[in-house]
């Protein structure tokens, strides 16, 4: 009777433990830009542990709030999206998508940050410097008004076109925002300044300038004019 009772107790305990489904492993995947990773796996793990207030390993699967962990990961300004799920083996899969910087922005006060295609801002990284178009003269306001928001939108439009265009990405060395909130482009080749005007119709303006480059500048030289106004 004692032997049977002991075996029964062990079976019940083993069955209960099996039903608990604890987190057995954490598998982290990061989607970076062309193999460049701005967020390390260790950073992701530490951020999750901070959100969960402790280690997730051996923690009951039903007690793990995946939505809170996802929201916690998104507090990192370099993380665009995060998805978490448990598989049938009780392993926690973590998929993180990074933001892709398209410009480095310098404010009037001299502060600097990166900007992605959605207009989101990311702090500088200690471990690397990223080669992207440089924008100078951006507002230093911490809280944007309507004019600041419009400037951010126009900056995004200008940078997006230049970043995605092979010729202009190579030709434009700097994008300067003037005191009257107009855009001036400083080219790599030539001593002229390109007066772009506002951030509207960027593609049309620069396509016209490209034709001028081909038909006129190629004949008279890239240093003949001090400024080219396509506003």
Protein backbone atom coordinates (compact mmCIF):
# COMPACT_ATOMS: atom_id res chain seq x y z
CA UNK A 1 0.00 0.00 0.00
CA UNK A 2 2.83 2.37 0.85
CA UNK A 3 4.60 1.64 -2.46
CA UNK A 4 1.39 2.13 -4.46
CA UNK A 5 0.65 5.37 -2.60
CA UNK A 6 4.17 6.68 -3.27
CA UNK A 7 4.00 5.87 -6.98
CA UNK A 8 0.59 7.53 -7.26
CA UNK A 9 1.89 10.69 -5.55
CA UNK A 10 4.87 10.85 -7.92
CA UNK A 11 2.66 10.38 -10.98
CA UNK A 12 0.30 13.13 -9.85
CA UNK A 13 3.20 15.50 -9.18
CA UNK A 14 4.83 14.74 -12.54
CA UNK A 15 1.52 15.22 -14.38
CA UNK A 16 0.90 18.55 -12.60
CA UNK A 17 4.40 19.76 -13.50
CA UNK A 18 3.86 18.75 -17.12
CA UNK A 19 0.63 20.75 -17.23
CA UNK A 20 2.32 23.87 -15.84
CA UNK A 21 4.19 24.57 -19.13
CA UNK A 22 7.11 26.72 -18.01
CA UNK A 23 9.27 28.82 -20.37
CA UNK A 24 12.15 26.55 -21.38
CA UNK A 25 14.14 28.79 -23.71
CA UNK A 26 14.14 32.29 -25.30
CA UNK A 27 14.95 32.56 -29.01
CA UNK A 28 15.59 36.12 -30.24
CA UNK A 29 15.63 37.18 -33.89
CA UNK A 30 16.41 40.71 -35.11
CA UNK A 31 15.60 42.11 -38.55
CA UNK A 32 18.32 44.62 -39.39
CA UNK A 33 19.15 46.76 -42.41
CA UNK A 34 21.52 44.89 -44.73
CA UNK A 35 23.00 42.94 -41.83
CA UNK A 36 23.55 46.08 -39.72
CA UNK A 37 22.17 45.67 -36.22
CA UNK A 38 21.59 48.68 -34.01
CA UNK A 39 20.03 46.60 -31.21
CA UNK A 40 21.83 43.63 -29.65
CA UNK A 41 20.15 40.43 -28.43
CA UNK A 42 21.45 41.18 -24.94
CA UNK A 43 19.65 44.54 -25.04
CA UNK A 44 16.39 42.82 -26.00
CA UNK A 45 16.72 40.24 -23.21
CA UNK A 46 17.51 42.89 -20.57
CA UNK A 47 14.56 45.02 -21.64
CA UNK A 48 12.19 42.04 -21.40
CA UNK A 49 13.51 41.11 -17.95
CA UNK A 50 13.04 44.70 -16.83
CA UNK A 51 9.42 44.65 -18.05
CA UNK A 52 8.75 41.23 -16.48
CA UNK A 53 10.65 42.22 -13.31
CA UNK A 54 12.82 39.15 -13.45
CA UNK A 55 13.93 36.22 -15.58
CA UNK A 56 11.38 34.61 -17.89
CA UNK A 57 13.04 31.18 -17.87
CA UNK A 58 11.10 28.54 -15.91
CA UNK A 59 8.25 31.01 -15.52
CA UNK A 60 4.75 29.66 -16.03
CA UNK A 61 3.71 30.29 -19.63
CA UNK A 62 0.21 31.38 -18.62
CA UNK A 63 1.66 34.09 -16.35
CA UNK A 64 3.76 35.68 -19.11
CA UNK A 65 2.03 38.77 -20.54
CA UNK A 66 3.25 38.84 -24.15
CA UNK A 67 1.49 42.15 -24.94
CA UNK A 68 3.27 43.91 -22.07
CA UNK A 69 6.61 42.50 -23.22
CA UNK A 70 5.99 43.71 -26.78
CA UNK A 71 5.05 47.19 -25.53
CA UNK A 72 8.12 47.19 -23.28
CA UNK A 73 10.42 46.40 -26.21
CA UNK A 74 8.89 49.25 -28.25
CA UNK A 75 10.01 51.74 -25.61
CA UNK A 76 13.46 51.35 -27.17
CA UNK A 77 13.45 54.11 -29.85
CA UNK A 78 15.45 51.88 -32.22
CA UNK A 79 12.79 49.12 -32.17
CA UNK A 80 10.01 49.63 -34.71
CA UNK A 81 8.01 46.48 -34.00
CA UNK A 82 8.13 43.41 -31.76
CA UNK A 83 6.24 40.09 -31.90
CA UNK A 84 6.38 37.34 -29.26
CA UNK A 85 4.85 33.86 -29.08
CA UNK A 86 5.33 30.48 -27.40
CA UNK A 87 5.71 27.37 -29.55
CA UNK A 88 4.54 23.84 -28.75
CA UNK A 89 7.82 23.16 -26.90
CA UNK A 90 7.24 26.14 -24.56
CA UNK A 91 10.09 28.09 -26.12
CA UNK A 92 9.54 31.86 -26.27
CA UNK A 93 10.18 33.30 -29.74
CA UNK A 94 11.00 37.02 -29.90
CA UNK A 95 11.07 38.79 -33.28
CA UNK A 96 12.30 42.41 -33.31
CA UNK A 97 12.24 44.78 -36.30
CA UNK A 98 14.62 47.73 -36.13
CA UNK A 99 14.05 51.24 -37.42
CA UNK A 100 16.09 52.20 -40.47
CA UNK A 101 17.70 55.65 -40.21
CA UNK A 102 17.51 57.79 -43.37
CA UNK A 103 19.09 61.00 -42.02
CA UNK A 104 21.17 62.43 -39.22
CA UNK A 105 19.61 65.67 -38.03
CA UNK A 106 21.39 68.53 -36.25
CA UNK A 107 19.25 71.09 -34.45
CA UNK A 108 19.93 74.82 -34.18
CA UNK A 109 21.12 74.22 -30.60
CA UNK A 110 23.66 71.66 -31.80
CA UNK A 111 21.88 68.50 -30.64
CA UNK A 112 21.85 65.53 -32.99
CA UNK A 113 19.67 62.48 -33.64
CA UNK A 114 18.73 60.03 -36.40
CA UNK A 115 15.39 60.02 -38.21
CA UNK A 116 13.63 57.14 -39.96
CA UNK A 117 11.19 57.14 -42.89
CA UNK A 118 8.17 57.61 -40.61
CA UNK A 119 9.67 60.71 -39.01
CA UNK A 120 10.47 58.92 -35.74
CA UNK A 121 13.65 60.09 -33.99
CA UNK A 122 16.35 57.81 -32.56
CA UNK A 123 19.31 58.74 -30.34
CA UNK A 124 22.92 58.42 -31.49
CA UNK A 125 24.71 55.10 -30.97
CA UNK A 126 27.93 54.81 -29.00
CA UNK A 127 29.14 51.80 -30.96
CA UNK A 128 28.81 53.18 -34.51
CA UNK A 129 28.22 56.14 -36.79
CA UNK A 130 25.77 55.57 -39.63
CA UNK A 131 26.37 57.01 -43.11
CA UNK A 132 23.16 58.82 -44.08
CA UNK A 133 22.34 62.32 -45.44
CA UNK A 134 22.99 65.11 -42.94
CA UNK A 135 20.33 67.74 -42.13
CA UNK A 136 21.30 70.96 -40.33
CA UNK A 137 19.27 73.85 -38.91
CA UNK A 138 16.34 71.80 -37.58
CA UNK A 139 14.22 73.30 -34.80
CA UNK A 140 15.37 72.82 -31.21
CA UNK A 141 11.83 72.95 -29.81
CA UNK A 142 11.04 70.05 -27.47
CA UNK A 143 7.30 70.42 -28.02
CA UNK A 144 6.29 70.90 -31.65
CA UNK A 145 3.69 73.43 -32.76
CA UNK A 146 1.87 73.23 -36.10
CA UNK A 147 4.75 74.90 -37.97
CA UNK A 148 7.31 72.52 -36.42
CA UNK A 149 5.20 69.49 -37.34
CA UNK A 150 4.92 70.76 -40.93
CA UNK A 151 8.71 71.24 -41.04
CA UNK A 152 9.25 67.68 -39.79
CA UNK A 153 6.92 66.35 -42.51
CA UNK A 154 8.70 68.34 -45.23
CA UNK A 155 12.12 67.29 -43.92
CA UNK A 156 11.00 63.68 -44.11
CA UNK A 157 9.84 64.14 -47.73
CA UNK A 158 13.13 65.76 -48.82
CA UNK A 159 15.30 63.18 -47.06
CA UNK A 160 13.25 60.22 -48.27
CA UNK A 161 13.60 61.17 -51.91
CA UNK A 162 17.32 61.88 -51.67
CA UNK A 163 18.02 58.73 -49.64
CA UNK A 164 16.14 56.48 -52.10
CA UNK A 165 17.57 58.08 -55.27
CA UNK A 166 20.98 56.68 -56.22
CA UNK A 167 22.20 59.84 -57.97
CA UNK A 168 21.05 62.42 -55.42
CA UNK A 169 22.09 60.27 -52.47
CA UNK A 170 25.63 60.37 -53.86
CA UNK A 171 25.51 64.03 -54.97
CA UNK A 172 23.95 65.72 -51.92
CA UNK A 173 26.40 66.08 -49.05
CA UNK A 174 24.22 68.15 -46.73
CA UNK A 175 20.67 69.44 -46.42
CA UNK A 176 20.45 72.83 -44.70
CA UNK A 177 17.25 74.35 -43.32
CA UNK A 178 17.40 78.14 -43.55
CA UNK A 179 16.00 80.62 -41.01
CA UNK A 180 12.86 81.02 -43.15
CA UNK A 181 12.44 77.21 -43.17
CA UNK A 182 13.44 76.63 -46.76
CA UNK A 183 15.76 73.82 -47.85
CA UNK A 184 19.18 74.30 -49.43
CA UNK A 185 21.22 71.37 -50.71
CA UNK A 186 25.01 71.40 -50.65
CA UNK A 187 26.33 69.08 -53.39
CA UNK A 188 29.44 66.94 -53.28
CA UNK A 189 30.47 67.92 -56.83
CA UNK A 190 30.39 71.65 -57.67
CA UNK A 191 30.64 74.88 -55.69
CA UNK A 192 26.98 75.86 -56.12
CA UNK A 193 24.09 75.75 -53.66
CA UNK A 194 20.77 74.21 -54.69
CA UNK A 195 17.84 76.32 -53.44
CA UNK A 196 15.06 73.77 -53.13
CA UNK A 197 12.44 75.97 -51.44
CA UNK A 198 9.92 74.12 -49.31
CA UNK A 199 9.68 70.34 -49.06
CA UNK A 200 6.83 69.96 -51.54
CA UNK A 201 7.21 68.48 -55.05
CA UNK A 202 10.78 67.37 -54.32
CA UNK A 203 10.86 64.75 -57.06
CA UNK A 204 9.70 67.20 -59.76
CA UNK A 205 12.19 69.88 -58.68
CA UNK A 206 15.19 67.56 -58.58
CA UNK A 207 14.21 65.79 -61.81
CA UNK A 208 14.23 69.20 -63.53
CA UNK A 209 17.60 69.97 -61.98
CA UNK A 210 18.96 66.62 -63.15
CA UNK A 211 18.01 67.55 -66.73
CA UNK A 212 19.76 70.91 -66.26
CA UNK A 213 22.83 69.06 -65.02
CA UNK A 214 22.87 66.89 -68.14
CA UNK A 215 22.10 69.57 -70.73
CA UNK A 216 23.86 72.65 -69.31
CA UNK A 217 26.21 71.90 -66.41
CA UNK A 218 27.92 69.09 -68.30
CA UNK A 219 28.94 71.71 -70.90
CA UNK A 220 29.73 74.81 -68.82
CA UNK A 221 31.06 73.01 -65.74
CA UNK A 222 29.73 72.49 -62.21
CA UNK A 223 31.45 75.60 -60.83
CA UNK A 224 29.97 78.23 -63.23
CA UNK A 225 26.97 79.13 -61.02
CA UNK A 226 26.94 80.11 -57.33
CA UNK A 227 23.36 78.97 -56.84
CA UNK A 228 20.69 77.02 -58.70
CA UNK A 229 17.14 77.92 -57.69
CA UNK A 230 14.53 75.24 -58.41
CA UNK A 231 11.91 76.57 -55.99
